Structure formats: structure tokens, C-alpha cells
Amino acid sequence: MLILAEVSERLLEKDVLVPLVIGGSIVLVVLFKTIAGVIRSVSRERTRREIAAFIAEGSMTPEQGERLMKAGREAGQPGCGA
């Protein structure tokens, strides 16, 4: 119990607390950006597969599918093919 009190006391000192908060914030930002990138990639791949399925079943031409995948890129977004 004494060790825990010493550790918590040391962590609350200003010379440790500020770098700890800054480091923790950086780790959280990197973690959230990584998760967002993974979600974006999974969504993009799912969209590409759905477009390919529409083309395979004949309800969409390959040209229409290509236009759909390029649509986001024309608006300045990465699009499905990026």
C-alpha cells in the first residue's frame, strides 16, 4: 500500500504529470487515426466488392462501375480506387 501511495504521489508531481499527459494524448491521437484509417479502408473495399458484384450480375456496366469508383476522387476525396 505504501508503494502505491509513493507512485501516485510521484505521478502527481508537475515534472512528471505534464509529460505524461502530453505523451498519453499523442498515443490516443495516433490510436484514433489508425482505427479511422482501418475503418475507411474496410469500407472502401466493401464498396469495391459491391460494385464488382453488380457488374458481375449484369445490373451495371463496367463503365458505370468505373465512374462510381472515380466519383469521390473528382470531388477531392480519395475515392474507391485510391
PDB file of N, CA and C in Angstrom:
ATOM      1  N   MET A   1       0.829  -1.184   0.000  1.00  0.00           N
ATOM      2  CA  MET A   1       0.000   0.000   0.000  1.00  0.00           C
ATOM      3  C   MET A   1       0.876   1.251   0.000  1.00  0.00           C
ATOM      4  N   LEU A   2       1.993   1.196   0.690  1.00  0.00           N
ATOM      5  CA  LEU A   2       2.908   2.326   0.771  1.00  0.00           C
ATOM      6  C   LEU A   2       3.534   2.609  -0.586  1.00  0.00           C
ATOM      7  N   ILE A   3       3.840   1.550  -1.335  1.00  0.00           N
ATOM      8  CA  ILE A   3       4.441   1.716  -2.662  1.00  0.00           C
ATOM      9  C   ILE A   3       3.453   2.407  -3.596  1.00  0.00           C
ATOM     10  N   LEU A   4       2.182   2.036  -3.550  1.00  0.00           N
ATOM     11  CA  LEU A   4       1.158   2.645  -4.381  1.00  0.00           C
ATOM     12  C   LEU A   4       1.014   4.131  -4.061  1.00  0.00           C
ATOM     13  N   ALA A   5       1.063   4.476  -2.813  1.00  0.00           N
ATOM     14  CA  ALA A   5       0.972   5.876  -2.411  1.00  0.00           C
ATOM     15  C   ALA A   5       2.173   6.660  -2.924  1.00  0.00           C
ATOM     16  N   GLU A   6       3.355   6.063  -2.868  1.00  0.00           N
ATOM     17  CA  GLU A   6       4.551   6.741  -3.373  1.00  0.00           C
ATOM     18  C   GLU A   6       4.493   6.933  -4.882  1.00  0.00           C
ATOM     19  N   VAL A   7       4.020   5.926  -5.587  1.00  0.00           N
ATOM     20  CA  VAL A   7       3.911   6.010  -7.044  1.00  0.00           C
ATOM     21  C   VAL A   7       2.905   7.075  -7.440  1.00  0.00           C
ATOM     22  N   SER A   8       1.736   7.082  -6.805  1.00  0.00           N
ATOM     23  CA  SER A   8       0.726   8.081  -7.149  1.00  0.00           C
ATOM     24  C   SER A   8       1.202   9.486  -6.783  1.00  0.00           C
ATOM     25  N   GLU A   9       1.923   9.621  -5.711  1.00  0.00           N
ATOM     26  CA  GLU A   9       2.468  10.921  -5.318  1.00  0.00           C
ATOM     27  C   GLU A   9       3.491  11.402  -6.350  1.00  0.00           C
ATOM     28  N   ARG A  10       4.322  10.506  -6.820  1.00  0.00           N
ATOM     29  CA  ARG A  10       5.335  10.851  -7.822  1.00  0.00           C
ATOM     30  C   ARG A  10       4.688  11.231  -9.149  1.00  0.00           C
ATOM     31  N   LEU A  11       3.622  10.541  -9.537  1.00  0.00           N
ATOM     32  CA  LEU A  11       2.946  10.835 -10.797  1.00  0.00           C
ATOM     33  C   LEU A  11       2.253  12.195 -10.770  1.00  0.00           C
ATOM     34  N   LEU A  12       1.843  12.633  -9.600  1.00  0.00           N
ATOM     35  CA  LEU A  12       1.138  13.904  -9.498  1.00  0.00           C
ATOM     36  C   LEU A  12       2.077  15.110  -9.453  1.00  0.00           C
ATOM     37  N   GLU A  13       3.348  14.863  -9.374  1.00  0.00           N
ATOM     38  CA  GLU A  13       4.299  15.979  -9.411  1.00  0.00           C
ATOM     39  C   GLU A  13       4.295  16.596 -10.802  1.00  0.00           C
ATOM     40  N   LYS A  14       4.507  17.897 -10.867  1.00  0.00           N
ATOM     41  CA  LYS A  14       4.385  18.609 -12.128  1.00  0.00           C
ATOM     42  C   LYS A  14       5.393  18.146 -13.176  1.00  0.00           C
ATOM     43  N   ASP A  15       6.605  17.820 -12.775  1.00  0.00           N
ATOM     44  CA  ASP A  15       7.618  17.428 -13.749  1.00  0.00           C
ATOM     45  C   ASP A  15       7.344  16.054 -14.357  1.00  0.00           C
ATOM     46  N   VAL A  16       6.411  15.303 -13.807  1.00  0.00           N
ATOM     47  CA  VAL A  16       6.037  14.006 -14.368  1.00  0.00           C
ATOM     48  C   VAL A  16       4.660  14.078 -15.010  1.00  0.00           C
ATOM     49  N   LEU A  17       3.754  14.828 -14.420  1.00  0.00           N
ATOM     50  CA  LEU A  17       2.369  14.864 -14.885  1.00  0.00           C
ATOM     51  C   LEU A  17       2.241  15.468 -16.280  1.00  0.00           C
ATOM     52  N   VAL A  18       2.896  16.576 -16.543  1.00  0.00           N
ATOM     53  CA  VAL A  18       2.766  17.243 -17.844  1.00  0.00           C
ATOM     54  C   VAL A  18       3.271  16.354 -18.984  1.00  0.00           C
ATOM     55  N   PRO A  19       4.486  15.796 -18.903  1.00  0.00           N
ATOM     56  CA  PRO A  19       4.917  14.901 -19.990  1.00  0.00           C
ATOM     57  C   PRO A  19       4.034  13.658 -20.122  1.00  0.00           C
ATOM     58  N   LEU A  20       3.518  13.168 -18.997  1.00  0.00           N
ATOM     59  CA  LEU A  20       2.646  12.009 -19.037  1.00  0.00           C
ATOM     60  C   LEU A  20       1.347  12.328 -19.787  1.00  0.00           C
ATOM     61  N   VAL A  21       0.769  13.484 -19.520  1.00  0.00           N
ATOM     62  CA  VAL A  21      -0.460  13.890 -20.206  1.00  0.00           C
ATOM     63  C   VAL A  21      -0.185  14.117 -21.691  1.00  0.00           C
ATOM     64  N   ILE A  22       0.913  14.773 -22.023  1.00  0.00           N
ATOM     65  CA  ILE A  22       1.252  15.021 -23.428  1.00  0.00           C
ATOM     66  C   ILE A  22       1.488  13.695 -24.154  1.00  0.00           C
ATOM     67  N   GLY A  23       2.265  12.817 -23.555  1.00  0.00           N
ATOM     68  CA  GLY A  23       2.526  11.517 -24.172  1.00  0.00           C
ATOM     69  C   GLY A  23       1.262  10.698 -24.345  1.00  0.00           C
ATOM     70  N   GLY A  24       0.418  10.699 -23.333  1.00  0.00           N
ATOM     71  CA  GLY A  24      -0.847   9.975 -23.418  1.00  0.00           C
ATOM     72  C   GLY A  24      -1.750  10.527 -24.503  1.00  0.00           C
ATOM     73  N   SER A  25      -1.756  11.840 -24.653  1.00  0.00           N
ATOM     74  CA  SER A  25      -2.571  12.470 -25.700  1.00  0.00           C
ATOM     75  C   SER A  25      -2.079  12.078 -27.079  1.00  0.00           C
ATOM     76  N   ILE A  26      -0.774  12.064 -27.263  1.00  0.00           N
ATOM     77  CA  ILE A  26      -0.211  11.679 -28.556  1.00  0.00           C
ATOM     78  C   ILE A  26      -0.569  10.231 -28.888  1.00  0.00           C
ATOM     79  N   VAL A  27      -0.457   9.367 -27.909  1.00  0.00           N
ATOM     80  CA  VAL A  27      -0.801   7.958 -28.128  1.00  0.00           C
ATOM     81  C   VAL A  27      -2.272   7.820 -28.509  1.00  0.00           C
ATOM     82  N   LEU A  28      -3.163   8.546 -27.842  1.00  0.00           N
ATOM     83  CA  LEU A  28      -4.591   8.470 -28.159  1.00  0.00           C
ATOM     84  C   LEU A  28      -4.891   8.975 -29.563  1.00  0.00           C
ATOM     85  N   VAL A  29      -4.257  10.075 -29.961  1.00  0.00           N
ATOM     86  CA  VAL A  29      -4.487  10.618 -31.308  1.00  0.00           C
ATOM     87  C   VAL A  29      -4.033   9.613 -32.365  1.00  0.00           C
ATOM     88  N   VAL A  30      -2.862   9.034 -32.178  1.00  0.00           N
ATOM     89  CA  VAL A  30      -2.360   8.045 -33.138  1.00  0.00           C
ATOM     90  C   VAL A  30      -3.284   6.835 -33.183  1.00  0.00           C
ATOM     91  N   LEU A  31      -3.749   6.382 -32.038  1.00  0.00           N
ATOM     92  CA  LEU A  31      -4.652   5.239 -31.972  1.00  0.00           C
ATOM     93  C   LEU A  31      -5.956   5.523 -32.719  1.00  0.00           C
ATOM     94  N   PHE A  32      -6.564   6.683 -32.474  1.00  0.00           N
ATOM     95  CA  PHE A  32      -7.815   7.021 -33.144  1.00  0.00           C
ATOM     96  C   PHE A  32      -7.627   7.181 -34.650  1.00  0.00           C
ATOM     97  N   LYS A  33      -6.532   7.779 -35.083  1.00  0.00           N
ATOM     98  CA  LYS A  33      -6.277   7.933 -36.515  1.00  0.00           C
ATOM     99  C   LYS A  33      -6.063   6.573 -37.176  1.00  0.00           C
ATOM    100  N   THR A  34      -5.404   5.672 -36.491  1.00  0.00           N
ATOM    101  CA  THR A  34      -5.184   4.332 -37.036  1.00  0.00           C
ATOM    102  C   THR A  34      -6.502   3.589 -37.180  1.00  0.00           C
ATOM    103  N   ILE A  35      -7.332   3.662 -36.160  1.00  0.00           N
ATOM    104  CA  ILE A  35      -8.640   2.998 -36.218  1.00  0.00           C
ATOM    105  C   ILE A  35      -9.493   3.597 -37.330  1.00  0.00           C
ATOM    106  N   ALA A  36      -9.482   4.914 -37.469  1.00  0.00           N
ATOM    107  CA  ALA A  36     -10.256   5.569 -38.529  1.00  0.00           C
ATOM    108  C   ALA A  36      -9.759   5.133 -39.903  1.00  0.00           C
ATOM    109  N   GLY A  37      -8.460   5.005 -40.076  1.00  0.00           N
ATOM    110  CA  GLY A  37      -7.904   4.557 -41.353  1.00  0.00           C
ATOM    111  C   GLY A  37      -8.310   3.134 -41.692  1.00  0.00           C
ATOM    112  N   VAL A  38      -8.317   2.269 -40.695  1.00  0.00           N
ATOM    113  CA  VAL A  38      -8.733   0.881 -40.918  1.00  0.00           C
ATOM    114  C   VAL A  38     -10.207   0.825 -41.313  1.00  0.00           C
ATOM    115  N   ILE A  39     -11.039   1.575 -40.620  1.00  0.00           N
ATOM    116  CA  ILE A  39     -12.469   1.603 -40.937  1.00  0.00           C
ATOM    117  C   ILE A  39     -12.683   2.129 -42.350  1.00  0.00           C
ATOM    118  N   ARG A  40     -11.951   3.178 -42.718  1.00  0.00           N
ATOM    119  CA  ARG A  40     -12.064   3.749 -44.056  1.00  0.00           C
ATOM    120  C   ARG A  40     -11.654   2.729 -45.116  1.00  0.00           C
ATOM    121  N   SER A  41     -10.570   2.004 -44.886  1.00  0.00           N
ATOM    122  CA  SER A  41     -10.096   1.001 -45.846  1.00  0.00           C
ATOM    123  C   SER A  41     -11.095  -0.144 -46.005  1.00  0.00           C
ATOM    124  N   VAL A  42     -11.652  -0.599 -44.891  1.00  0.00           N
ATOM    125  CA  VAL A  42     -12.627  -1.682 -44.942  1.00  0.00           C
ATOM    126  C   VAL A  42     -13.873  -1.232 -45.707  1.00  0.00           C
ATOM    127  N   SER A  43     -14.319  -0.015 -45.466  1.00  0.00           N
ATOM    128  CA  SER A  43     -15.499   0.500 -46.164  1.00  0.00           C
ATOM    129  C   SER A  43     -15.239   0.630 -47.659  1.00  0.00           C
ATOM    130  N   ARG A  44     -14.062   1.117 -48.003  1.00  0.00           N
ATOM    131  CA  ARG A  44     -13.702   1.281 -49.412  1.00  0.00           C
ATOM    132  C   ARG A  44     -13.675  -0.075 -50.116  1.00  0.00           C
ATOM    133  N   GLU A  45     -13.093  -1.080 -49.474  1.00  0.00           N
ATOM    134  CA  GLU A  45     -13.024  -2.411 -50.080  1.00  0.00           C
ATOM    135  C   GLU A  45     -14.412  -3.026 -50.216  1.00  0.00           C
ATOM    136  N   ARG A  46     -15.266  -2.819 -49.224  1.00  0.00           N
ATOM    137  CA  ARG A  46     -16.634  -3.336 -49.288  1.00  0.00           C
ATOM    138  C   ARG A  46     -17.378  -2.707 -50.467  1.00  0.00           C
ATOM    139  N   THR A  47     -17.195  -1.406 -50.670  1.00  0.00           N
ATOM    140  CA  THR A  47     -17.848  -0.724 -51.787  1.00  0.00           C
ATOM    141  C   THR A  47     -17.354  -1.272 -53.120  1.00  0.00           C
ATOM    142  N   ARG A  48     -16.048  -1.486 -53.222  1.00  0.00           N
ATOM    143  CA  ARG A  48     -15.488  -2.041 -54.460  1.00  0.00           C
ATOM    144  C   ARG A  48     -16.068  -3.429 -54.738  1.00  0.00           C
ATOM    145  N   ARG A  49     -16.217  -4.243 -53.714  1.00  0.00           N
ATOM    146  CA  ARG A  49     -16.785  -5.590 -53.905  1.00  0.00           C
ATOM    147  C   ARG A  49     -18.239  -5.522 -54.334  1.00  0.00           C
ATOM    148  N   GLU A  50     -18.998  -4.600 -53.746  1.00  0.00           N
ATOM    149  CA  GLU A  50     -20.409  -4.456 -54.127  1.00  0.00           C
ATOM    150  C   GLU A  50     -20.535  -4.008 -55.577  1.00  0.00           C
ATOM    151  N   ILE A  51     -19.703  -3.074 -55.992  1.00  0.00           N
ATOM    152  CA  ILE A  51     -19.735  -2.617 -57.385  1.00  0.00           C
ATOM    153  C   ILE A  51     -19.371  -3.778 -58.303  1.00  0.00           C
ATOM    154  N   ALA A  52     -18.358  -4.561 -57.930  1.00  0.00           N
ATOM    155  CA  ALA A  52     -17.967  -5.720 -58.735  1.00  0.00           C
ATOM    156  C   ALA A  52     -19.106  -6.738 -58.822  1.00  0.00           C
ATOM    157  N   ALA A  53     -19.847  -6.924 -57.754  1.00  0.00           N
ATOM    158  CA  ALA A  53     -20.978  -7.852 -57.762  1.00  0.00           C
ATOM    159  C   ALA A  53     -22.083  -7.355 -58.693  1.00  0.00           C
ATOM    160  N   PHE A  54     -22.359  -6.063 -58.676  1.00  0.00           N
ATOM    161  CA  PHE A  54     -23.364  -5.504 -59.585  1.00  0.00           C
ATOM    162  C   PHE A  54     -22.949  -5.693 -61.040  1.00  0.00           C
ATOM    163  N   ILE A  55     -21.667  -5.494 -61.299  1.00  0.00           N
ATOM    164  CA  ILE A  55     -21.162  -5.681 -62.663  1.00  0.00           C
ATOM    165  C   ILE A  55     -21.268  -7.153 -63.059  1.00  0.00           C
ATOM    166  N   ALA A  56     -20.930  -8.051 -62.157  1.00  0.00           N
ATOM    167  CA  ALA A  56     -20.974  -9.484 -62.450  1.00  0.00           C
ATOM    168  C   ALA A  56     -22.389  -9.976 -62.717  1.00  0.00           C
ATOM    169  N   GLU A  57     -23.361  -9.443 -62.012  1.00  0.00           N
ATOM    170  CA  GLU A  57     -24.744  -9.895 -62.223  1.00  0.00           C
ATOM    171  C   GLU A  57     -25.401  -9.204 -63.413  1.00  0.00           C
ATOM    172  N   GLY A  58     -24.731  -8.193 -63.973  1.00  0.00           N
ATOM    173  CA  GLY A  58     -25.224  -7.545 -65.182  1.00  0.00           C
ATOM    174  C   GLY A  58     -26.126  -6.356 -64.955  1.00  0.00           C
ATOM    175  N   SER A  59     -26.348  -5.953 -63.724  1.00  0.00           N
ATOM    176  CA  SER A  59     -27.214  -4.810 -63.464  1.00  0.00           C
ATOM    177  C   SER A  59     -26.464  -3.486 -63.596  1.00  0.00           C
ATOM    178  N   MET A  60     -25.157  -3.560 -63.871  1.00  0.00           N
ATOM    179  CA  MET A  60     -24.339  -2.355 -64.036  1.00  0.00           C
ATOM    180  C   MET A  60     -23.255  -2.682 -65.062  1.00  0.00           C
ATOM    181  N   THR A  61     -22.952  -1.725 -65.907  1.00  0.00           N
ATOM    182  CA  THR A  61     -21.886  -1.938 -66.883  1.00  0.00           C
ATOM    183  C   THR A  61     -20.537  -1.641 -66.215  1.00  0.00           C
ATOM    184  N   PRO A  62     -19.474  -2.188 -66.765  1.00  0.00           N
ATOM    185  CA  PRO A  62     -18.154  -1.882 -66.209  1.00  0.00           C
ATOM    186  C   PRO A  62     -17.832  -0.380 -66.246  1.00  0.00           C
ATOM    187  N   GLU A  63     -18.320   0.311 -67.269  1.00  0.00           N
ATOM    188  CA  GLU A  63     -18.084   1.755 -67.359  1.00  0.00           C
ATOM    189  C   GLU A  63     -18.785   2.498 -66.221  1.00  0.00           C
ATOM    190  N   GLN A  64     -20.005   2.079 -65.885  1.00  0.00           N
ATOM    191  CA  GLN A  64     -20.722   2.698 -64.771  1.00  0.00           C
ATOM    192  C   GLN A  64     -19.989   2.440 -63.456  1.00  0.00           C
ATOM    193  N   GLY A  65     -19.496   1.232 -63.293  1.00  0.00           N
ATOM    194  CA  GLY A  65     -18.747   0.907 -62.079  1.00  0.00           C
ATOM    195  C   GLY A  65     -17.482   1.731 -61.971  1.00  0.00           C
ATOM    196  N   GLU A  66     -16.797   1.897 -63.092  1.00  0.00           N
ATOM    197  CA  GLU A  66     -15.578   2.710 -63.092  1.00  0.00           C
ATOM    198  C   GLU A  66     -15.893   4.158 -62.734  1.00  0.00           C
ATOM    199  N   ARG A  67     -16.988   4.677 -63.271  1.00  0.00           N
ATOM    200  CA  ARG A  67     -17.390   6.056 -62.940  1.00  0.00           C
ATOM    201  C   ARG A  67     -17.719   6.201 -61.455  1.00  0.00           C
ATOM    202  N   LEU A  68     -18.379   5.202 -60.886  1.00  0.00           N
ATOM    203  CA  LEU A  68     -18.694   5.246 -59.456  1.00  0.00           C
ATOM    204  C   LEU A  68     -17.426   5.259 -58.610  1.00  0.00           C
ATOM    205  N   MET A  69     -16.456   4.436 -58.981  1.00  0.00           N
ATOM    206  CA  MET A  69     -15.226   4.380 -58.188  1.00  0.00           C
ATOM    207  C   MET A  69     -14.402   5.651 -58.324  1.00  0.00           C
ATOM    208  N   LYS A  70     -14.519   6.339 -59.446  1.00  0.00           N
ATOM    209  CA  LYS A  70     -13.773   7.580 -59.640  1.00  0.00           C
ATOM    210  C   LYS A  70     -14.517   8.797 -59.088  1.00  0.00           C
ATOM    211  N   ALA A  71     -15.791   8.660 -58.745  1.00  0.00           N
ATOM    212  CA  ALA A  71     -16.623   9.805 -58.362  1.00  0.00           C
ATOM    213  C   ALA A  71     -16.064  10.553 -57.152  1.00  0.00           C
ATOM    214  N   GLY A  72     -15.606   9.859 -56.142  1.00  0.00           N
ATOM    215  CA  GLY A  72     -15.080  10.516 -54.944  1.00  0.00           C
ATOM    216  C   GLY A  72     -13.790  11.251 -55.218  1.00  0.00           C
ATOM    217  N   ARG A  73     -12.968  10.727 -56.088  1.00  0.00           N
ATOM    218  CA  ARG A  73     -11.691  11.355 -56.401  1.00  0.00           C
ATOM    219  C   ARG A  73     -11.868  12.684 -57.120  1.00  0.00           C
ATOM    220  N   GLU A  74     -12.905  12.798 -57.938  1.00  0.00           N
ATOM    221  CA  GLU A  74     -13.149  14.052 -58.655  1.00  0.00           C
ATOM    222  C   GLU A  74     -13.545  15.163 -57.689  1.00  0.00           C
ATOM    223  N   ALA A  75     -14.158  14.794 -56.577  1.00  0.00           N
ATOM    224  CA  ALA A  75     -14.590  15.790 -55.595  1.00  0.00           C
ATOM    225  C   ALA A  75     -13.480  16.106 -54.589  1.00  0.00           C
ATOM    226  N   GLY A  76     -12.280  15.581 -54.833  1.00  0.00           N
ATOM    227  CA  GLY A  76     -11.166  15.847 -53.928  1.00  0.00           C
ATOM    228  C   GLY A  76     -11.012  14.825 -52.831  1.00  0.00           C
ATOM    229  N   GLN A  77     -11.828  13.788 -52.857  1.00  0.00           N
ATOM    230  CA  GLN A  77     -11.741  12.720 -51.862  1.00  0.00           C
ATOM    231  C   GLN A  77     -10.973  11.555 -52.462  1.00  0.00           C
ATOM    232  N   PRO A  78     -10.450  10.649 -51.634  1.00  0.00           N
ATOM    233  CA  PRO A  78      -9.655   9.552 -52.172  1.00  0.00           C
ATOM    234  C   PRO A  78     -10.405   8.638 -53.130  1.00  0.00           C
ATOM    235  N   GLY A  79     -11.698   8.396 -52.938  1.00  0.00           N
ATOM    236  CA  GLY A  79     -12.465   7.534 -53.819  1.00  0.00           C
ATOM    237  C   GLY A  79     -12.244   6.069 -53.516  1.00  0.00           C
ATOM    238  N   CYS A  80     -12.925   5.211 -54.261  1.00  0.00           N
ATOM    239  CA  CYS A  80     -12.858   3.783 -54.001  1.00  0.00           C
ATOM    240  C   CYS A  80     -11.562   3.163 -54.493  1.00  0.00           C
ATOM    241  N   GLY A  81     -10.994   3.674 -55.549  1.00  0.00           N
ATOM    242  CA  GLY A  81      -9.819   3.054 -56.133  1.00  0.00           C
ATOM    243  C   GLY A  81      -8.510   3.516 -55.529  1.00  0.00           C
ATOM    244  N   ALA A  82      -8.547   4.458 -54.599  1.00  0.00           N
ATOM    245  CA  ALA A  82      -7.290   5.001 -54.047  1.00  0.00           C
ATOM    246  C   ALA A  82      -6.806   4.196 -52.882  1.00  0.00           C
TER     247      ALA A  82
END
